[in-house]
Amino acid sequence: MTRAPAPPEGFAEFVAARSHVLLRAAWLLTGDAANAEDLLQTALARSWRHWERIAAAGNPEAYVRRVLFHTYLSWWRRRWRGELPSAAPPDRAGADDIAAASAARDGVRRALARLTPRQRAVVVLRYIEDRTVAETAELLGCSSGTVKTLAFRALETLRADATVRALLTGEGAEHQ
């Protein structure tokens, strides 16, 4: 029986310390817990092979994050993602509805799903992870102007969404 090689020094500690943050970014990109776990696992597996070099460079999280975003974009290009039909809109939630927060999260997830993969990546990096335009451009391998254009178009799309608009104005789900 062949034994798997031992993980490189520091890799297991990095995964234990930072995987929850990276998983959050993956979930925001994919909008699905299972796909987010697959995306993170793939990014970590790709990084594992070169861990000594990555760790020696001094910022392993930045490298793994870049792998995560590039993997997400390459998956998106390869897979067809058709629209998922849904039944009639659900009843409106009341102010005391304990599911209101869950519905709001689902509405935001759906709004993010309407963005292109690159727009979604920019929104996650710029507004969820609070990255600068330059950092976002470097992580995605594009120009600062492209990041600004993608962010502008993504925000236009999000502002046009009724759920996001209600959250921004503080009206809540009952006024959608």
N, C-alpha and C. Protein backbone atom coordinates (compact mmCIF):
# COMPACT_ATOMS: atom_id res chain seq x y z
N MET A 1 0.83 -1.16 0.00
CA MET A 1 0.00 0.00 0.00
C MET A 1 0.90 1.25 0.00
N THR A 2 0.60 2.19 -0.90
CA THR A 2 1.39 3.40 -1.03
C THR A 2 0.85 4.47 -0.09
N ARG A 3 1.76 5.09 0.62
CA ARG A 3 1.37 6.15 1.55
C ARG A 3 1.44 7.50 0.85
N ALA A 4 0.52 8.35 1.16
CA ALA A 4 0.53 9.70 0.60
C ALA A 4 1.68 10.47 1.22
N PRO A 5 2.29 11.34 0.45
CA PRO A 5 3.39 12.13 1.01
C PRO A 5 2.89 13.05 2.12
N ALA A 6 3.77 13.34 3.04
CA ALA A 6 3.41 14.24 4.14
C ALA A 6 3.22 15.66 3.59
N PRO A 7 2.31 16.41 4.18
CA PRO A 7 2.12 17.78 3.70
C PRO A 7 3.38 18.62 3.94
N PRO A 8 3.62 19.59 3.09
CA PRO A 8 4.78 20.45 3.28
C PRO A 8 4.68 21.21 4.60
N GLU A 9 5.82 21.61 5.13
CA GLU A 9 5.86 22.29 6.41
C GLU A 9 5.07 23.59 6.36
N GLY A 10 4.17 23.76 7.30
CA GLY A 10 3.38 24.97 7.42
C GLY A 10 2.07 24.95 6.65
N PHE A 11 1.89 23.98 5.76
CA PHE A 11 0.68 23.95 4.93
C PHE A 11 -0.56 23.66 5.78
N ALA A 12 -0.49 22.64 6.61
CA ALA A 12 -1.65 22.28 7.45
C ALA A 12 -2.03 23.42 8.38
N GLU A 13 -1.05 24.12 8.91
CA GLU A 13 -1.32 25.25 9.79
C GLU A 13 -1.99 26.39 9.03
N PHE A 14 -1.51 26.63 7.81
CA PHE A 14 -2.11 27.67 6.97
C PHE A 14 -3.57 27.34 6.68
N VAL A 15 -3.84 26.10 6.30
CA VAL A 15 -5.21 25.68 5.99
C VAL A 15 -6.10 25.84 7.21
N ALA A 16 -5.61 25.42 8.37
CA ALA A 16 -6.41 25.53 9.59
C ALA A 16 -6.69 27.00 9.94
N ALA A 17 -5.72 27.86 9.71
CA ALA A 17 -5.87 29.26 10.11
C ALA A 17 -6.65 30.10 9.11
N ARG A 18 -6.55 29.81 7.81
CA ARG A 18 -7.09 30.73 6.81
C ARG A 18 -8.18 30.15 5.92
N SER A 19 -8.48 28.87 6.03
CA SER A 19 -9.45 28.28 5.11
C SER A 19 -10.85 28.86 5.29
N HIS A 20 -11.23 29.25 6.51
CA HIS A 20 -12.57 29.82 6.70
C HIS A 20 -12.73 31.13 5.93
N VAL A 21 -11.70 31.94 5.88
CA VAL A 21 -11.75 33.20 5.14
C VAL A 21 -11.79 32.93 3.64
N LEU A 22 -10.97 31.99 3.20
CA LEU A 22 -10.93 31.65 1.79
C LEU A 22 -12.23 30.97 1.36
N LEU A 23 -12.83 30.17 2.25
CA LEU A 23 -14.10 29.52 1.93
C LEU A 23 -15.21 30.56 1.77
N ARG A 24 -15.18 31.59 2.58
CA ARG A 24 -16.17 32.67 2.45
C ARG A 24 -16.06 33.33 1.08
N ALA A 25 -14.84 33.61 0.66
CA ALA A 25 -14.64 34.21 -0.67
C ALA A 25 -15.13 33.26 -1.76
N ALA A 26 -14.84 31.97 -1.60
CA ALA A 26 -15.28 30.98 -2.59
C ALA A 26 -16.80 30.91 -2.64
N TRP A 27 -17.45 30.97 -1.48
CA TRP A 27 -18.91 30.93 -1.47
C TRP A 27 -19.49 32.16 -2.14
N LEU A 28 -18.91 33.32 -1.89
CA LEU A 28 -19.40 34.53 -2.52
C LEU A 28 -19.23 34.46 -4.04
N LEU A 29 -18.20 33.79 -4.50
CA LEU A 29 -18.00 33.65 -5.94
C LEU A 29 -18.97 32.66 -6.55
N THR A 30 -19.14 31.50 -5.91
CA THR A 30 -19.95 30.44 -6.51
C THR A 30 -21.41 30.51 -6.14
N GLY A 31 -21.72 31.06 -4.95
CA GLY A 31 -23.10 31.12 -4.50
C GLY A 31 -23.63 29.78 -4.04
N ASP A 32 -22.77 28.83 -3.84
CA ASP A 32 -23.19 27.48 -3.46
C ASP A 32 -22.14 26.88 -2.54
N ALA A 33 -22.56 26.32 -1.41
CA ALA A 33 -21.62 25.80 -0.43
C ALA A 33 -20.78 24.65 -0.99
N ALA A 34 -21.41 23.73 -1.69
CA ALA A 34 -20.67 22.57 -2.22
C ALA A 34 -19.65 23.01 -3.27
N ASN A 35 -20.06 23.90 -4.17
CA ASN A 35 -19.12 24.40 -5.19
C ASN A 35 -18.00 25.21 -4.55
N ALA A 36 -18.32 25.95 -3.49
CA ALA A 36 -17.31 26.73 -2.79
C ALA A 36 -16.26 25.82 -2.17
N GLU A 37 -16.72 24.73 -1.54
CA GLU A 37 -15.77 23.77 -0.97
C GLU A 37 -14.90 23.14 -2.04
N ASP A 38 -15.51 22.79 -3.19
CA ASP A 38 -14.73 22.22 -4.30
C ASP A 38 -13.71 23.22 -4.83
N LEU A 39 -14.13 24.48 -4.96
CA LEU A 39 -13.24 25.52 -5.46
C LEU A 39 -12.06 25.71 -4.52
N LEU A 40 -12.32 25.81 -3.22
CA LEU A 40 -11.24 25.99 -2.25
C LEU A 40 -10.32 24.78 -2.24
N GLN A 41 -10.89 23.58 -2.27
CA GLN A 41 -10.07 22.38 -2.27
C GLN A 41 -9.16 22.34 -3.49
N THR A 42 -9.69 22.71 -4.64
CA THR A 42 -8.88 22.72 -5.86
C THR A 42 -7.76 23.74 -5.75
N ALA A 43 -8.08 24.93 -5.24
CA ALA A 43 -7.05 25.97 -5.09
C ALA A 43 -5.96 25.52 -4.11
N LEU A 44 -6.37 24.89 -3.01
CA LEU A 44 -5.39 24.41 -2.04
C LEU A 44 -4.55 23.27 -2.62
N ALA A 45 -5.18 22.39 -3.38
CA ALA A 45 -4.43 21.27 -3.99
C ALA A 45 -3.39 21.80 -4.98
N ARG A 46 -3.76 22.81 -5.75
CA ARG A 46 -2.81 23.39 -6.70
C ARG A 46 -1.67 24.09 -5.96
N SER A 47 -1.98 24.71 -4.84
CA SER A 47 -0.96 25.41 -4.08
C SER A 47 -0.06 24.44 -3.31
N TRP A 48 -0.60 23.33 -2.89
CA TRP A 48 0.14 22.34 -2.10
C TRP A 48 1.40 21.88 -2.83
N ARG A 49 1.28 21.69 -4.13
CA ARG A 49 2.41 21.19 -4.93
C ARG A 49 3.62 22.10 -4.87
N HIS A 50 3.40 23.38 -4.68
CA HIS A 50 4.48 24.37 -4.73
C HIS A 50 4.62 25.11 -3.40
N TRP A 51 4.20 24.48 -2.31
CA TRP A 51 4.07 25.19 -1.05
C TRP A 51 5.38 25.78 -0.54
N GLU A 52 6.49 25.06 -0.66
CA GLU A 52 7.76 25.60 -0.15
C GLU A 52 8.09 26.93 -0.83
N ARG A 53 7.91 26.99 -2.14
CA ARG A 53 8.19 28.22 -2.90
C ARG A 53 7.20 29.31 -2.52
N ILE A 54 5.92 28.95 -2.37
CA ILE A 54 4.88 29.92 -2.02
C ILE A 54 5.14 30.50 -0.63
N ALA A 55 5.43 29.64 0.33
CA ALA A 55 5.68 30.09 1.70
C ALA A 55 6.94 30.94 1.77
N ALA A 56 7.95 30.58 1.00
CA ALA A 56 9.21 31.33 1.01
C ALA A 56 9.03 32.74 0.45
N ALA A 57 8.04 32.93 -0.42
CA ALA A 57 7.80 34.25 -1.00
C ALA A 57 7.24 35.23 0.03
N GLY A 58 6.70 34.71 1.13
CA GLY A 58 6.31 35.58 2.23
C GLY A 58 4.84 35.92 2.37
N ASN A 59 4.01 35.65 1.37
CA ASN A 59 2.58 35.97 1.49
C ASN A 59 1.76 34.84 0.87
N PRO A 60 1.70 33.70 1.56
CA PRO A 60 1.02 32.56 0.95
C PRO A 60 -0.48 32.78 0.74
N GLU A 61 -1.13 33.56 1.59
CA GLU A 61 -2.56 33.77 1.41
C GLU A 61 -2.86 34.51 0.10
N ALA A 62 -2.05 35.47 -0.22
CA ALA A 62 -2.25 36.21 -1.48
C ALA A 62 -2.12 35.26 -2.67
N TYR A 63 -1.15 34.36 -2.61
CA TYR A 63 -0.95 33.41 -3.70
C TYR A 63 -2.14 32.46 -3.81
N VAL A 64 -2.57 31.90 -2.68
CA VAL A 64 -3.70 30.96 -2.69
C VAL A 64 -4.97 31.66 -3.14
N ARG A 65 -5.15 32.90 -2.71
CA ARG A 65 -6.32 33.68 -3.11
C ARG A 65 -6.31 33.90 -4.63
N ARG A 66 -5.16 34.19 -5.17
CA ARG A 66 -5.04 34.37 -6.63
C ARG A 66 -5.39 33.08 -7.35
N VAL A 67 -4.90 31.96 -6.85
CA VAL A 67 -5.23 30.65 -7.43
C VAL A 67 -6.74 30.42 -7.35
N LEU A 68 -7.34 30.78 -6.22
CA LEU A 68 -8.78 30.61 -6.03
C LEU A 68 -9.56 31.39 -7.09
N PHE A 69 -9.23 32.66 -7.28
CA PHE A 69 -9.96 33.49 -8.24
C PHE A 69 -9.71 33.03 -9.67
N HIS A 70 -8.49 32.67 -9.99
CA HIS A 70 -8.21 32.20 -11.35
C HIS A 70 -8.89 30.86 -11.62
N THR A 71 -8.93 30.00 -10.63
CA THR A 71 -9.62 28.72 -10.79
C THR A 71 -11.11 28.95 -11.01
N TYR A 72 -11.68 29.85 -10.23
CA TYR A 72 -13.10 30.18 -10.39
C TYR A 72 -13.38 30.67 -11.81
N LEU A 73 -12.57 31.58 -12.29
CA LEU A 73 -12.79 32.12 -13.64
C LEU A 73 -12.61 31.05 -14.70
N SER A 74 -11.65 30.15 -14.54
CA SER A 74 -11.45 29.09 -15.53
C SER A 74 -12.59 28.07 -15.48
N TRP A 75 -13.12 27.78 -14.29
CA TRP A 75 -14.28 26.89 -14.19
C TRP A 75 -15.46 27.50 -14.90
N TRP A 76 -15.65 28.79 -14.71
CA TRP A 76 -16.80 29.47 -15.29
C TRP A 76 -16.73 29.42 -16.82
N ARG A 77 -15.55 29.58 -17.36
CA ARG A 77 -15.40 29.55 -18.81
C ARG A 77 -15.71 28.16 -19.37
N ARG A 78 -15.38 27.13 -18.61
CA ARG A 78 -15.56 25.76 -19.10
C ARG A 78 -16.97 25.22 -18.94
N ARG A 79 -17.66 25.65 -17.91
CA ARG A 79 -18.97 25.08 -17.61
C ARG A 79 -20.09 25.99 -18.10
N TRP A 80 -21.12 25.39 -18.67
CA TRP A 80 -22.30 26.15 -19.04
C TRP A 80 -23.14 26.31 -17.80
N ARG A 81 -23.56 27.51 -17.55
CA ARG A 81 -24.38 27.79 -16.37
C ARG A 81 -25.69 28.42 -16.86
N GLY A 82 -26.66 27.57 -17.12
CA GLY A 82 -27.94 28.07 -17.59
C GLY A 82 -28.75 28.65 -16.44
N GLU A 83 -29.75 29.39 -16.79
CA GLU A 83 -30.62 29.92 -15.75
C GLU A 83 -31.44 28.80 -15.14
N LEU A 84 -31.70 28.91 -13.87
CA LEU A 84 -32.51 27.92 -13.18
C LEU A 84 -33.93 28.46 -13.06
N PRO A 85 -34.90 27.77 -13.67
CA PRO A 85 -36.27 28.26 -13.56
C PRO A 85 -36.77 28.14 -12.13
N SER A 86 -37.64 29.05 -11.75
CA SER A 86 -38.21 28.98 -10.41
C SER A 86 -39.72 29.13 -10.51
N ALA A 87 -40.38 28.71 -9.46
CA ALA A 87 -41.84 28.83 -9.40
C ALA A 87 -42.20 30.29 -9.21
N ALA A 88 -43.46 30.56 -9.00
CA ALA A 88 -43.91 31.93 -8.75
C ALA A 88 -43.14 32.51 -7.56
N PRO A 89 -42.98 33.82 -7.51
CA PRO A 89 -42.26 34.42 -6.38
C PRO A 89 -42.91 34.02 -5.06
N PRO A 90 -42.12 33.87 -4.01
CA PRO A 90 -42.68 33.47 -2.72
C PRO A 90 -43.48 34.62 -2.12
N ASP A 91 -44.30 34.26 -1.12
CA ASP A 91 -45.05 35.29 -0.40
C ASP A 91 -44.07 36.26 0.24
N ARG A 92 -44.51 37.47 0.45
CA ARG A 92 -43.65 38.47 1.08
C ARG A 92 -43.49 38.17 2.56
N ALA A 93 -42.28 38.38 3.04
CA ALA A 93 -41.99 38.11 4.44
C ALA A 93 -42.48 39.26 5.30
N GLY A 94 -42.98 38.92 6.48
CA GLY A 94 -43.40 39.94 7.43
C GLY A 94 -42.21 40.45 8.22
N ALA A 95 -42.41 41.54 8.96
CA ALA A 95 -41.32 42.13 9.74
C ALA A 95 -40.82 41.19 10.83
N ASP A 96 -41.71 40.32 11.36
CA ASP A 96 -41.32 39.41 12.43
C ASP A 96 -40.85 38.06 11.91
N ASP A 97 -40.77 37.89 10.63
CA ASP A 97 -40.41 36.61 10.03
C ASP A 97 -38.95 36.28 10.32
N ILE A 98 -38.72 35.15 11.00
CA ILE A 98 -37.35 34.78 11.33
C ILE A 98 -36.54 34.37 10.11
N ALA A 99 -37.22 34.13 9.00
CA ALA A 99 -36.52 33.75 7.77
C ALA A 99 -36.15 34.97 6.93
N ALA A 100 -36.47 36.17 7.39
CA ALA A 100 -36.20 37.38 6.60
C ALA A 100 -34.71 37.54 6.31
N ALA A 101 -33.86 37.29 7.29
CA ALA A 101 -32.42 37.42 7.07
C ALA A 101 -31.94 36.40 6.06
N SER A 102 -32.46 35.19 6.15
CA SER A 102 -32.09 34.16 5.19
C SER A 102 -32.56 34.52 3.79
N ALA A 103 -33.76 35.07 3.69
CA ALA A 103 -34.27 35.49 2.39
C ALA A 103 -33.45 36.62 1.82
N ALA A 104 -33.01 37.53 2.66
CA ALA A 104 -32.16 38.63 2.19
C ALA A 104 -30.84 38.09 1.67
N ARG A 105 -30.23 37.15 2.40
CA ARG A 105 -28.97 36.54 1.93
C ARG A 105 -29.19 35.84 0.60
N ASP A 106 -30.31 35.13 0.48
CA ASP A 106 -30.60 34.44 -0.77
C ASP A 106 -30.80 35.44 -1.90
N GLY A 107 -31.45 36.55 -1.61
CA GLY A 107 -31.64 37.58 -2.63
C GLY A 107 -30.33 38.17 -3.09
N VAL A 108 -29.44 38.41 -2.15
CA VAL A 108 -28.11 38.93 -2.51
C VAL A 108 -27.35 37.88 -3.32
N ARG A 109 -27.43 36.62 -2.91
CA ARG A 109 -26.77 35.55 -3.66
C ARG A 109 -27.28 35.49 -5.09
N ARG A 110 -28.60 35.61 -5.25
CA ARG A 110 -29.18 35.59 -6.60
C ARG A 110 -28.75 36.80 -7.42
N ALA A 111 -28.70 37.95 -6.77
CA ALA A 111 -28.25 39.15 -7.46
C ALA A 111 -26.80 39.00 -7.91
N LEU A 112 -25.96 38.46 -7.04
CA LEU A 112 -24.56 38.22 -7.42
C LEU A 112 -24.46 37.22 -8.56
N ALA A 113 -25.37 36.26 -8.59
CA ALA A 113 -25.34 35.24 -9.65
C ALA A 113 -25.66 35.84 -11.02
N ARG A 114 -26.32 36.99 -11.04
CA ARG A 114 -26.64 37.65 -12.32
C ARG A 114 -25.43 38.38 -12.92
N LEU A 115 -24.39 38.57 -12.12
CA LEU A 115 -23.20 39.24 -12.62
C LEU A 115 -22.36 38.27 -13.44
N THR A 116 -21.53 38.82 -14.31
CA THR A 116 -20.58 37.97 -15.02
C THR A 116 -19.55 37.48 -14.01
N PRO A 117 -18.84 36.42 -14.32
CA PRO A 117 -17.84 35.91 -13.37
C PRO A 117 -16.80 36.97 -12.99
N ARG A 118 -16.33 37.75 -13.95
CA ARG A 118 -15.32 38.76 -13.65
C ARG A 118 -15.92 39.89 -12.81
N GLN A 119 -17.17 40.28 -13.09
CA GLN A 119 -17.82 41.30 -12.27
C GLN A 119 -17.97 40.81 -10.84
N ARG A 120 -18.37 39.57 -10.69
CA ARG A 120 -18.55 39.02 -9.35
C ARG A 120 -17.22 38.97 -8.61
N ALA A 121 -16.17 38.56 -9.30
CA ALA A 121 -14.84 38.52 -8.68
C ALA A 121 -14.42 39.91 -8.22
N VAL A 122 -14.68 40.93 -9.04
CA VAL A 122 -14.33 42.30 -8.66
C VAL A 122 -15.15 42.75 -7.45
N VAL A 123 -16.45 42.46 -7.44
CA VAL A 123 -17.30 42.85 -6.31
C VAL A 123 -16.81 42.19 -5.02
N VAL A 124 -16.50 40.91 -5.08
CA VAL A 124 -16.03 40.21 -3.88
C VAL A 124 -14.71 40.82 -3.40
N LEU A 125 -13.78 41.03 -4.31
CA LEU A 125 -12.48 41.56 -3.91
C LEU A 125 -12.56 43.01 -3.43
N ARG A 126 -13.26 43.85 -4.17
CA ARG A 126 -13.30 45.28 -3.84
C ARG A 126 -14.19 45.60 -2.64
N TYR A 127 -15.37 45.01 -2.58
CA TYR A 127 -16.35 45.46 -1.59
C TYR A 127 -16.57 44.49 -0.44
N ILE A 128 -16.25 43.23 -0.62
CA ILE A 128 -16.37 42.29 0.50
C ILE A 128 -15.03 42.16 1.21
N GLU A 129 -13.96 42.03 0.43
CA GLU A 129 -12.63 41.88 1.03
C GLU A 129 -11.89 43.21 1.16
N ASP A 130 -12.49 44.30 0.71
CA ASP A 130 -11.95 45.64 0.85
C ASP A 130 -10.56 45.79 0.24
N ARG A 131 -10.39 45.23 -0.95
CA ARG A 131 -9.12 45.35 -1.67
C ARG A 131 -9.09 46.65 -2.47
N THR A 132 -7.91 47.17 -2.72
CA THR A 132 -7.78 48.36 -3.55
C THR A 132 -7.96 47.97 -5.01
N VAL A 133 -8.13 48.99 -5.87
CA VAL A 133 -8.23 48.73 -7.31
C VAL A 133 -6.97 48.04 -7.79
N ALA A 134 -5.81 48.52 -7.34
CA ALA A 134 -4.53 47.94 -7.77
C ALA A 134 -4.39 46.48 -7.33
N GLU A 135 -4.76 46.19 -6.07
CA GLU A 135 -4.68 44.81 -5.58
C GLU A 135 -5.62 43.90 -6.37
N THR A 136 -6.82 44.40 -6.64
CA THR A 136 -7.80 43.61 -7.39
C THR A 136 -7.29 43.34 -8.80
N ALA A 137 -6.74 44.37 -9.43
CA ALA A 137 -6.20 44.20 -10.78
C ALA A 137 -5.06 43.18 -10.79
N GLU A 138 -4.21 43.25 -9.80
CA GLU A 138 -3.09 42.30 -9.73
C GLU A 138 -3.59 40.87 -9.52
N LEU A 139 -4.55 40.70 -8.61
CA LEU A 139 -5.08 39.37 -8.34
C LEU A 139 -5.76 38.76 -9.56
N LEU A 140 -6.46 39.59 -10.33
CA LEU A 140 -7.20 39.09 -11.49
C LEU A 140 -6.39 39.14 -12.78
N GLY A 141 -5.23 39.76 -12.73
CA GLY A 141 -4.39 39.82 -13.92
C GLY A 141 -4.96 40.72 -15.00
N CYS A 142 -5.49 41.87 -14.61
CA CYS A 142 -6.04 42.81 -15.59
C CYS A 142 -5.62 44.22 -15.19
N SER A 143 -6.03 45.21 -15.97
CA SER A 143 -5.65 46.59 -15.68
C SER A 143 -6.58 47.21 -14.64
N SER A 144 -6.13 48.31 -14.05
CA SER A 144 -6.95 49.04 -13.09
C SER A 144 -8.21 49.58 -13.75
N GLY A 145 -8.10 50.01 -14.99
CA GLY A 145 -9.26 50.50 -15.73
C GLY A 145 -10.31 49.43 -15.92
N THR A 146 -9.86 48.21 -16.18
CA THR A 146 -10.79 47.09 -16.33
C THR A 146 -11.52 46.83 -15.01
N VAL A 147 -10.79 46.90 -13.90
CA VAL A 147 -11.42 46.70 -12.59
C VAL A 147 -12.48 47.76 -12.36
N LYS A 148 -12.17 49.02 -12.67
CA LYS A 148 -13.13 50.10 -12.46
C LYS A 148 -14.36 49.93 -13.33
N THR A 149 -14.16 49.54 -14.59
CA THR A 149 -15.29 49.32 -15.50
C THR A 149 -16.16 48.17 -15.02
N LEU A 150 -15.52 47.06 -14.64
CA LEU A 150 -16.27 45.90 -14.15
C LEU A 150 -17.04 46.25 -12.88
N ALA A 151 -16.42 47.01 -11.99
CA ALA A 151 -17.09 47.39 -10.74
C ALA A 151 -18.29 48.29 -11.05
N PHE A 152 -18.12 49.25 -11.94
CA PHE A 152 -19.22 50.16 -12.29
C PHE A 152 -20.40 49.38 -12.86
N ARG A 153 -20.13 48.48 -13.79
CA ARG A 153 -21.22 47.71 -14.41
C ARG A 153 -21.87 46.76 -13.41
N ALA A 154 -21.06 46.16 -12.55
CA ALA A 154 -21.61 45.25 -11.54
C ALA A 154 -22.51 46.01 -10.57
N LEU A 155 -22.08 47.18 -10.14
CA LEU A 155 -22.89 47.95 -9.21
C LEU A 155 -24.17 48.45 -9.86
N GLU A 156 -24.12 48.78 -11.14
CA GLU A 156 -25.35 49.15 -11.86
C GLU A 156 -26.35 47.99 -11.83
N THR A 157 -25.84 46.80 -12.12
CA THR A 157 -26.69 45.61 -12.13
C THR A 157 -27.27 45.33 -10.75
N LEU A 158 -26.43 45.44 -9.72
CA LEU A 158 -26.90 45.17 -8.36
C LEU A 158 -27.92 46.21 -7.91
N ARG A 159 -27.70 47.48 -8.24
CA ARG A 159 -28.65 48.53 -7.84
C ARG A 159 -30.00 48.36 -8.51
N ALA A 160 -30.02 47.73 -9.68
CA ALA A 160 -31.27 47.51 -10.40
C ALA A 160 -32.08 46.36 -9.81
N ASP A 161 -31.46 45.54 -8.97
CA ASP A 161 -32.12 44.39 -8.36
C ASP A 161 -33.01 44.86 -7.20
N ALA A 162 -34.26 44.41 -7.17
CA ALA A 162 -35.22 44.85 -6.16
C ALA A 162 -34.78 44.48 -4.74
N THR A 163 -34.23 43.29 -4.55
CA THR A 163 -33.81 42.86 -3.21
C THR A 163 -32.67 43.72 -2.71
N VAL A 164 -31.69 43.93 -3.56
CA VAL A 164 -30.53 44.74 -3.17
C VAL A 164 -30.98 46.19 -2.92
N ARG A 165 -31.83 46.70 -3.77
CA ARG A 165 -32.32 48.07 -3.61
C ARG A 165 -33.05 48.21 -2.27
N ALA A 166 -33.88 47.22 -1.91
CA ALA A 166 -34.59 47.26 -0.63
C ALA A 166 -33.62 47.22 0.54
N LEU A 167 -32.57 46.42 0.44
CA LEU A 167 -31.58 46.36 1.51
C LEU A 167 -30.82 47.68 1.63
N LEU A 168 -30.51 48.30 0.50
CA LEU A 168 -29.77 49.56 0.52
C LEU A 168 -30.61 50.71 1.08
N THR A 169 -31.90 50.68 0.82
CA THR A 169 -32.77 51.76 1.30
C THR A 169 -33.33 51.48 2.67
N GLY A 170 -33.09 50.27 3.19
CA GLY A 170 -33.57 49.90 4.52
C GLY A 170 -35.04 49.58 4.58
N GLU A 171 -35.65 49.32 3.41
CA GLU A 171 -37.08 49.05 3.40
C GLU A 171 -37.40 47.63 3.84
N GLY A 172 -36.48 46.69 3.66
CA GLY A 172 -36.75 45.31 4.05
C GLY A 172 -37.55 44.57 2.99
N ALA A 173 -37.72 43.28 3.22
CA ALA A 173 -38.34 42.39 2.25
C ALA A 173 -39.82 42.68 2.05
N GLU A 174 -40.50 43.26 3.06
CA GLU A 174 -41.93 43.46 2.94
C GLU A 174 -42.29 44.55 1.92
N HIS A 175 -41.34 45.37 1.49
CA HIS A 175 -41.62 46.46 0.56
C HIS A 175 -41.13 46.16 -0.84
N GLN A 176 -40.80 44.95 -1.15
CA GLN A 176 -40.29 44.63 -2.48
C GLN A 176 -41.38 44.58 -3.48
